[in-house]
Amino acid sequence: MLLKLLFVAVAISLLCRWGVGRWPWQLIGPAAQRTRTLDRARRLLGVEASAGRDDIIAAHRRLTQEVHPDKGGSDAAMQEVNAARDLLLGELPGSRDRPER
């Protein structure tokens, strides 16, 4: 029984490699991490997945007023807000800052 299960797992892995060009564990690693990072940035700024450039910038400005070091916030919080804004703006269609995949 265990030998059959091992054979099936190897066969599925080889079919995935042949059909998609990547091993199955490569399909779930970085893409899942990127999705989690994008979701975290959206939650931080309080925007929907369909938010446009203006929505992201407005949310960033609103949150910046709360976490800015001059207003009693911290540098780390400000850097996190800026990173979330940059990440989400880079993911918009037509963005020049979008990373290669």
N, C-alpha and C. Protein backbone atom coordinates (compact mmCIF):
# COMPACT_ATOMS: atom_id res chain seq x y z
N MET A 1 0.82 -1.19 0.00
CA MET A 1 0.00 0.00 0.00
C MET A 1 0.87 1.26 0.00
N LEU A 2 1.88 1.27 0.84
CA LEU A 2 2.76 2.42 0.92
C LEU A 2 3.56 2.59 -0.37
N LEU A 3 3.94 1.49 -0.98
CA LEU A 3 4.67 1.54 -2.24
C LEU A 3 3.80 2.12 -3.35
N LYS A 4 2.52 1.77 -3.37
CA LYS A 4 1.59 2.32 -4.36
C LYS A 4 1.44 3.83 -4.16
N LEU A 5 1.32 4.26 -2.92
CA LEU A 5 1.17 5.67 -2.62
C LEU A 5 2.42 6.45 -3.05
N LEU A 6 3.58 5.89 -2.81
CA LEU A 6 4.82 6.52 -3.23
C LEU A 6 4.89 6.60 -4.76
N PHE A 7 4.50 5.54 -5.43
CA PHE A 7 4.50 5.52 -6.89
C PHE A 7 3.55 6.59 -7.45
N VAL A 8 2.38 6.73 -6.86
CA VAL A 8 1.40 7.72 -7.31
C VAL A 8 1.96 9.13 -7.10
N ALA A 9 2.59 9.37 -5.95
CA ALA A 9 3.15 10.70 -5.67
C ALA A 9 4.25 11.05 -6.66
N VAL A 10 5.10 10.09 -6.98
CA VAL A 10 6.17 10.33 -7.95
C VAL A 10 5.58 10.57 -9.33
N ALA A 11 4.57 9.79 -9.70
CA ALA A 11 3.94 9.95 -11.02
C ALA A 11 3.29 11.33 -11.14
N ILE A 12 2.59 11.77 -10.09
CA ILE A 12 1.95 13.09 -10.12
C ILE A 12 2.99 14.18 -10.22
N SER A 13 4.09 14.03 -9.48
CA SER A 13 5.16 15.03 -9.53
C SER A 13 5.77 15.11 -10.93
N LEU A 14 6.02 13.96 -11.54
CA LEU A 14 6.60 13.96 -12.88
C LEU A 14 5.63 14.53 -13.92
N LEU A 15 4.35 14.21 -13.80
CA LEU A 15 3.36 14.78 -14.71
C LEU A 15 3.26 16.29 -14.55
N CYS A 16 3.33 16.74 -13.33
CA CYS A 16 3.28 18.19 -13.09
C CYS A 16 4.51 18.86 -13.71
N ARG A 17 5.66 18.25 -13.51
CA ARG A 17 6.90 18.80 -14.07
C ARG A 17 6.84 18.82 -15.59
N TRP A 18 6.32 17.77 -16.18
CA TRP A 18 6.22 17.68 -17.62
C TRP A 18 5.17 18.64 -18.17
N GLY A 19 4.02 18.72 -17.51
CA GLY A 19 2.91 19.53 -18.02
C GLY A 19 3.06 21.02 -17.77
N VAL A 20 3.55 21.39 -16.60
CA VAL A 20 3.61 22.80 -16.23
C VAL A 20 5.04 23.35 -16.33
N GLY A 21 6.01 22.46 -16.21
CA GLY A 21 7.40 22.89 -16.28
C GLY A 21 8.00 23.20 -14.92
N ARG A 22 7.25 22.94 -13.86
CA ARG A 22 7.74 23.17 -12.50
C ARG A 22 7.33 22.00 -11.62
N TRP A 23 8.08 21.78 -10.57
CA TRP A 23 7.72 20.75 -9.60
C TRP A 23 6.53 21.24 -8.78
N PRO A 24 5.73 20.34 -8.25
CA PRO A 24 4.54 20.76 -7.49
C PRO A 24 4.87 21.67 -6.31
N TRP A 25 5.95 21.42 -5.62
CA TRP A 25 6.30 22.25 -4.47
C TRP A 25 6.77 23.63 -4.89
N GLN A 26 7.17 23.80 -6.12
CA GLN A 26 7.53 25.13 -6.62
C GLN A 26 6.29 25.96 -6.92
N LEU A 27 5.19 25.30 -7.19
CA LEU A 27 3.95 26.01 -7.51
C LEU A 27 3.29 26.61 -6.27
N ILE A 28 3.52 26.02 -5.10
CA ILE A 28 2.85 26.51 -3.90
C ILE A 28 3.72 27.42 -3.06
N GLY A 29 5.01 27.45 -3.24
CA GLY A 29 5.90 28.23 -2.39
C GLY A 29 5.82 29.73 -2.59
N PRO A 30 6.53 30.28 -3.56
CA PRO A 30 6.61 31.73 -3.70
C PRO A 30 5.27 32.40 -4.02
N ALA A 31 4.45 31.78 -4.81
CA ALA A 31 3.17 32.40 -5.16
C ALA A 31 2.29 32.53 -3.93
N ALA A 32 2.29 31.51 -3.09
CA ALA A 32 1.49 31.58 -1.87
C ALA A 32 2.04 32.66 -0.94
N GLN A 33 3.35 32.78 -0.85
CA GLN A 33 3.96 33.81 -0.02
C GLN A 33 3.62 35.20 -0.54
N ARG A 34 3.67 35.37 -1.84
CA ARG A 34 3.34 36.67 -2.43
C ARG A 34 1.88 37.03 -2.19
N THR A 35 1.00 36.05 -2.30
CA THR A 35 -0.41 36.29 -2.06
C THR A 35 -0.64 36.70 -0.61
N ARG A 36 0.03 36.02 0.32
CA ARG A 36 -0.10 36.39 1.73
C ARG A 36 0.42 37.81 1.98
N THR A 37 1.52 38.15 1.33
CA THR A 37 2.10 39.49 1.49
C THR A 37 1.14 40.56 0.95
N LEU A 38 0.55 40.31 -0.20
CA LEU A 38 -0.41 41.26 -0.77
C LEU A 38 -1.65 41.39 0.11
N ASP A 39 -2.14 40.27 0.63
CA ASP A 39 -3.31 40.32 1.51
C ASP A 39 -3.00 41.11 2.78
N ARG A 40 -1.82 40.93 3.32
CA ARG A 40 -1.42 41.65 4.53
C ARG A 40 -1.32 43.16 4.25
N ALA A 41 -0.77 43.52 3.09
CA ALA A 41 -0.68 44.93 2.72
C ALA A 41 -2.06 45.54 2.54
N ARG A 42 -2.99 44.80 1.93
CA ARG A 42 -4.35 45.30 1.75
C ARG A 42 -5.05 45.49 3.09
N ARG A 43 -4.86 44.52 4.00
CA ARG A 43 -5.48 44.65 5.33
C ARG A 43 -4.90 45.84 6.09
N LEU A 44 -3.59 46.04 5.97
CA LEU A 44 -2.94 47.15 6.67
C LEU A 44 -3.50 48.49 6.21
N LEU A 45 -3.64 48.64 4.90
CA LEU A 45 -4.16 49.90 4.36
C LEU A 45 -5.68 49.97 4.38
N GLY A 46 -6.33 48.82 4.55
CA GLY A 46 -7.78 48.80 4.59
C GLY A 46 -8.43 48.98 3.23
N VAL A 47 -7.83 48.40 2.19
CA VAL A 47 -8.39 48.51 0.84
C VAL A 47 -8.78 47.13 0.33
N GLU A 48 -9.67 47.12 -0.63
CA GLU A 48 -10.12 45.88 -1.26
C GLU A 48 -9.10 45.43 -2.32
N ALA A 49 -9.24 44.21 -2.78
CA ALA A 49 -8.35 43.68 -3.81
C ALA A 49 -8.53 44.43 -5.14
N SER A 50 -9.70 44.99 -5.34
CA SER A 50 -9.97 45.71 -6.59
C SER A 50 -9.66 47.21 -6.49
N ALA A 51 -9.00 47.62 -5.42
CA ALA A 51 -8.72 49.04 -5.21
C ALA A 51 -7.80 49.57 -6.30
N GLY A 52 -8.09 50.78 -6.74
CA GLY A 52 -7.26 51.43 -7.75
C GLY A 52 -6.20 52.32 -7.12
N ARG A 53 -5.47 52.99 -7.96
CA ARG A 53 -4.37 53.85 -7.51
C ARG A 53 -4.85 54.93 -6.54
N ASP A 54 -5.95 55.59 -6.87
CA ASP A 54 -6.46 56.65 -6.01
C ASP A 54 -6.89 56.12 -4.64
N ASP A 55 -7.51 54.94 -4.62
CA ASP A 55 -7.93 54.34 -3.35
C ASP A 55 -6.73 54.00 -2.47
N ILE A 56 -5.69 53.46 -3.08
CA ILE A 56 -4.49 53.07 -2.33
C ILE A 56 -3.81 54.31 -1.77
N ILE A 57 -3.69 55.34 -2.57
CA ILE A 57 -3.03 56.56 -2.12
C ILE A 57 -3.85 57.24 -1.01
N ALA A 58 -5.17 57.26 -1.14
CA ALA A 58 -6.01 57.86 -0.11
C ALA A 58 -5.90 57.09 1.21
N ALA A 59 -5.90 55.76 1.12
CA ALA A 59 -5.75 54.94 2.33
C ALA A 59 -4.38 55.15 2.97
N HIS A 60 -3.36 55.28 2.14
CA HIS A 60 -2.01 55.52 2.65
C HIS A 60 -1.94 56.86 3.38
N ARG A 61 -2.51 57.89 2.80
CA ARG A 61 -2.49 59.21 3.44
C ARG A 61 -3.25 59.19 4.76
N ARG A 62 -4.38 58.51 4.78
CA ARG A 62 -5.18 58.43 5.99
C ARG A 62 -4.41 57.71 7.11
N LEU A 63 -3.77 56.61 6.76
CA LEU A 63 -3.02 55.85 7.75
C LEU A 63 -1.73 56.56 8.15
N THR A 64 -1.13 57.28 7.23
CA THR A 64 0.09 58.02 7.52
C THR A 64 -0.15 59.07 8.60
N GLN A 65 -1.31 59.68 8.58
CA GLN A 65 -1.63 60.68 9.59
C GLN A 65 -1.67 60.08 11.00
N GLU A 66 -1.95 58.79 11.10
CA GLU A 66 -2.00 58.13 12.41
C GLU A 66 -0.65 57.62 12.87
N VAL A 67 0.18 57.12 11.96
CA VAL A 67 1.41 56.44 12.36
C VAL A 67 2.68 57.24 12.10
N HIS A 68 2.55 58.46 11.62
CA HIS A 68 3.74 59.27 11.34
C HIS A 68 4.50 59.56 12.63
N PRO A 69 5.83 59.49 12.59
CA PRO A 69 6.62 59.74 13.81
C PRO A 69 6.36 61.11 14.43
N ASP A 70 6.07 62.11 13.63
CA ASP A 70 5.78 63.44 14.17
C ASP A 70 4.43 63.50 14.89
N LYS A 71 3.58 62.53 14.63
CA LYS A 71 2.26 62.47 15.26
C LYS A 71 2.21 61.44 16.38
N GLY A 72 3.37 60.96 16.81
CA GLY A 72 3.42 60.00 17.91
C GLY A 72 3.56 58.56 17.47
N GLY A 73 3.70 58.30 16.17
CA GLY A 73 3.90 56.94 15.68
C GLY A 73 5.37 56.57 15.69
N SER A 74 5.69 55.46 15.10
CA SER A 74 7.08 55.00 15.08
C SER A 74 7.60 54.95 13.64
N ASP A 75 8.92 54.95 13.55
CA ASP A 75 9.54 54.84 12.23
C ASP A 75 9.22 53.49 11.58
N ALA A 76 9.19 52.43 12.38
CA ALA A 76 8.92 51.10 11.85
C ALA A 76 7.51 51.03 11.26
N ALA A 77 6.54 51.62 11.95
CA ALA A 77 5.16 51.61 11.45
C ALA A 77 5.07 52.40 10.14
N MET A 78 5.77 53.50 10.09
CA MET A 78 5.75 54.32 8.88
C MET A 78 6.38 53.58 7.71
N GLN A 79 7.47 52.88 7.96
CA GLN A 79 8.12 52.10 6.91
C GLN A 79 7.22 50.98 6.42
N GLU A 80 6.49 50.36 7.34
CA GLU A 80 5.58 49.28 6.96
C GLU A 80 4.44 49.80 6.09
N VAL A 81 3.91 50.96 6.44
CA VAL A 81 2.83 51.57 5.65
C VAL A 81 3.33 51.94 4.26
N ASN A 82 4.54 52.53 4.19
CA ASN A 82 5.10 52.89 2.90
C ASN A 82 5.37 51.66 2.04
N ALA A 83 5.87 50.58 2.66
CA ALA A 83 6.14 49.35 1.91
C ALA A 83 4.85 48.74 1.38
N ALA A 84 3.78 48.79 2.18
CA ALA A 84 2.49 48.26 1.73
C ALA A 84 1.97 49.07 0.54
N ARG A 85 2.09 50.39 0.63
CA ARG A 85 1.65 51.25 -0.49
C ARG A 85 2.44 50.93 -1.75
N ASP A 86 3.77 50.85 -1.62
CA ASP A 86 4.62 50.59 -2.79
C ASP A 86 4.31 49.23 -3.40
N LEU A 87 4.09 48.22 -2.56
CA LEU A 87 3.78 46.88 -3.06
C LEU A 87 2.47 46.87 -3.83
N LEU A 88 1.44 47.49 -3.26
CA LEU A 88 0.14 47.49 -3.93
C LEU A 88 0.14 48.33 -5.20
N LEU A 89 0.84 49.45 -5.18
CA LEU A 89 0.93 50.26 -6.41
C LEU A 89 1.72 49.52 -7.49
N GLY A 90 2.71 48.76 -7.08
CA GLY A 90 3.49 47.98 -8.04
C GLY A 90 2.71 46.83 -8.66
N GLU A 91 1.67 46.39 -7.99
CA GLU A 91 0.84 45.28 -8.51
C GLU A 91 -0.26 45.74 -9.45
N LEU A 92 -0.49 47.02 -9.54
CA LEU A 92 -1.55 47.52 -10.43
C LEU A 92 -1.20 47.26 -11.89
N PRO A 93 -2.20 46.98 -12.72
CA PRO A 93 -1.94 46.77 -14.15
C PRO A 93 -1.31 48.01 -14.77
N GLY A 94 -0.30 47.80 -15.58
CA GLY A 94 0.36 48.90 -16.25
C GLY A 94 1.42 49.58 -15.42
N SER A 95 1.70 49.05 -14.25
CA SER A 95 2.71 49.66 -13.39
C SER A 95 4.10 49.31 -13.90
N ARG A 96 4.97 50.29 -13.92
CA ARG A 96 6.35 50.06 -14.37
C ARG A 96 7.19 49.40 -13.30
N ASP A 97 6.76 49.48 -12.04
CA ASP A 97 7.52 48.92 -10.93
C ASP A 97 7.19 47.47 -10.65
N ARG A 98 6.35 46.87 -11.45
CA ARG A 98 5.92 45.49 -11.21
C ARG A 98 7.08 44.53 -11.39
N PRO A 99 7.34 43.66 -10.40
CA PRO A 99 8.47 42.74 -10.51
C PRO A 99 8.21 41.64 -11.54
N GLU A 100 9.28 41.14 -12.11
CA GLU A 100 9.17 40.03 -13.07
C GLU A 100 8.86 38.75 -12.32
N ARG A 101 8.07 37.88 -12.93
CA ARG A 101 7.75 36.59 -12.30
C ARG A 101 8.21 35.46 -13.16
